[in-house]
Amino acid sequence: MPLNELAVAERIVGEKEARRALSKGLLRKLFVAADAEPGRLDSLLRDAEAAGVEVERVESRLILGRACAIDRSASAAGLLKR
């Protein structure tokens, strides 16, 4: 599903929050910005893949931040399980 999921579903924003939710098994889908620092999200992506969490790449951190209704950029965001 597209980025508009982030506007209507229960979500987390930020790399640290995504790591926490993933480690607790609460993450349903992970969004990562394609322009994040190279290598910064590699372990998060590996862990998401190992956990079977769907990953969607977003064009930029700014677009991801706006999709989450925040006034700054975001490297990662996620949808929580219901």
Protein backbone atom coordinates (compact mmCIF):
# COMPACT_ATOMS: atom_id res chain seq x y z
CA MET A 1 0.00 0.00 0.00
CA PRO A 2 1.14 3.56 -0.54
CA LEU A 3 2.49 6.10 1.91
CA ASN A 4 -1.00 7.31 2.82
CA GLU A 5 -1.14 4.32 5.19
CA LEU A 6 1.07 6.35 7.52
CA ALA A 7 -1.58 9.06 7.79
CA VAL A 8 -4.39 6.78 8.92
CA ALA A 9 -2.79 3.88 10.79
CA GLU A 10 -1.08 3.66 14.17
CA ARG A 11 2.54 4.42 13.41
CA ILE A 12 5.99 5.02 14.80
CA VAL A 13 8.46 7.52 13.39
CA GLY A 14 12.23 7.34 13.56
CA GLU A 15 14.96 4.78 13.39
CA LYS A 16 15.13 4.15 17.16
CA GLU A 17 11.37 3.72 17.46
CA ALA A 18 11.39 1.35 14.49
CA ARG A 19 14.13 -0.75 16.12
CA ARG A 20 12.20 -0.91 19.41
CA ALA A 21 8.92 -1.89 17.75
CA LEU A 22 10.67 -4.50 15.61
CA SER A 23 12.45 -6.06 18.59
CA LYS A 24 9.12 -6.32 20.44
CA GLY A 25 7.37 -7.88 17.43
CA LEU A 26 4.99 -4.94 17.05
CA LEU A 27 5.96 -3.83 13.56
CA ARG A 28 3.76 -4.75 10.60
CA LYS A 29 5.46 -2.70 7.87
CA LEU A 30 8.66 -0.68 7.71
CA PHE A 31 9.22 2.39 5.54
CA VAL A 32 12.81 3.53 4.92
CA ALA A 33 14.08 6.58 3.09
CA ALA A 34 16.27 5.87 0.07
CA ASP A 35 18.43 8.90 0.85
CA ALA A 36 19.29 7.85 4.41
CA GLU A 37 23.00 7.68 5.26
CA PRO A 38 24.55 4.71 3.47
CA GLY A 39 24.83 1.76 5.82
CA ARG A 40 22.88 3.39 8.63
CA LEU A 41 19.74 1.29 8.20
CA ASP A 42 21.39 -1.95 7.05
CA SER A 43 20.96 -3.79 10.35
CA LEU A 44 17.37 -2.58 10.67
CA LEU A 45 16.59 -3.85 7.17
CA ARG A 46 18.23 -7.23 7.91
CA ASP A 47 16.26 -7.59 11.13
CA ALA A 48 13.01 -6.65 9.39
CA GLU A 49 13.65 -9.21 6.67
CA ALA A 50 14.44 -11.89 9.25
CA ALA A 51 11.22 -11.07 11.10
CA GLY A 52 9.16 -11.21 7.91
CA VAL A 53 8.21 -7.54 8.08
CA GLU A 54 7.29 -5.92 4.77
CA VAL A 55 9.71 -3.13 3.77
CA GLU A 56 8.88 -0.24 1.47
CA ARG A 57 11.46 2.25 0.24
CA VAL A 58 10.49 5.91 0.05
CA GLU A 59 12.15 8.42 -2.27
CA SER A 60 13.43 10.77 0.44
CA ARG A 61 13.54 11.46 4.17
CA LEU A 62 11.56 14.65 3.65
CA ILE A 63 8.74 12.82 1.86
CA LEU A 64 8.66 10.19 4.61
CA GLY A 65 8.50 12.86 7.30
CA ARG A 66 5.64 14.63 5.55
CA ALA A 67 3.76 11.35 5.13
CA CYS A 68 4.02 10.94 8.91
CA ALA A 69 2.66 14.47 9.43
CA ILE A 70 5.84 15.79 11.05
CA ASP A 71 7.73 18.98 10.18
CA ARG A 72 11.10 17.31 9.73
CA SER A 73 12.64 14.48 7.78
CA ALA A 74 12.60 10.84 8.89
CA SER A 75 14.89 7.97 7.90
CA ALA A 76 12.45 5.30 9.00
CA ALA A 77 8.84 4.86 10.02
CA GLY A 78 6.60 1.92 10.57
CA LEU A 79 3.06 0.67 10.91
CA LEU A 80 2.19 -1.14 14.09
CA LYS A 81 0.24 -4.37 14.21
CA ARG A 82 -3.38 -3.92 15.17
